[in-house]
């Protein structure tokens, strides 16, 4: 007799998938051939129904509908994306952060801007970044993975969610991952701990955070050249523009070269950060250029 259970896939290696159930128990299952036939690959983060027979062998029976799906790392049903920037070195790539915010909107993922390398609350560089994004997203937190500053606030913010990290290289993503997992390993030791073998097919693994919830063991999106979005969508994806876009003369204003633009007036009087607006212009022009080349 087979028992039908439901759990979340947290790891996949060589055709075997580890599922975590609400009772804390783990089961290792194989996927039915039906998934290969339909071209569907189970991913960490997938909620799945599976069966366990009298011998203890488990088989994934069905994958429940996904809310979203990331490619790098390959994870499904992500609740939050930590967009990590540095308050010191390297200089923060805020254009990448802006693109990741757009990516979150497309994937219906809640973004959290994490400003790392803030050793205490007195940091002008940190304040500058916060000022640029104050009206752009709800969750911004300044932390230091090295000293622990702000980490408790971050842990409480993330508890119970499925998390991925993103950001440029050397901003401290691995150190943040280390801290959120409740480990005390050097970066190299952490990489060795999460290494599953060079010759087996694997995706990212979801690991339990010290405060509850799951986090992908592999940071992704170190580079994000473009976001799959039409140019006309972009203005509405900037929450900090919404208060002023209703004052534009033209419906569907792109806030670029149009006259009598409420957003441009807000930039001129300092209500919208000029640096963020200039990055918006670059991203919007890139989207326009990408569409032009797509149809040339």
Foldseek 3Di string as FASTA:
>chain_A
DKDKDKFFFFKDWQQWTWTAHPVGDIAIAGEDCVCVVVVHDDFGGWIFIWIQDPVRYIYTDDTDDFLFFDVWQTHTNFAEEEEEAELVPPHFPVLLVLQVLVQCVVSVHAYAYEYEPPLDDDRVSLVVVCVQCVQQHDHYFYAYLVNGRRLVVVLVVCAAGEYAYEEAPPRCPQSNVCVQQVHDDDSVVLVVVLDDDDPIDIGWGWHAGPRHYTYTSGHTCNDDPAHPDALLCLVVSGSLQVVFQVQAPDPSDSPDPDPRGRSVVCCVVVSHPVVVVVSSVVRSVVNVVVVVVVVD
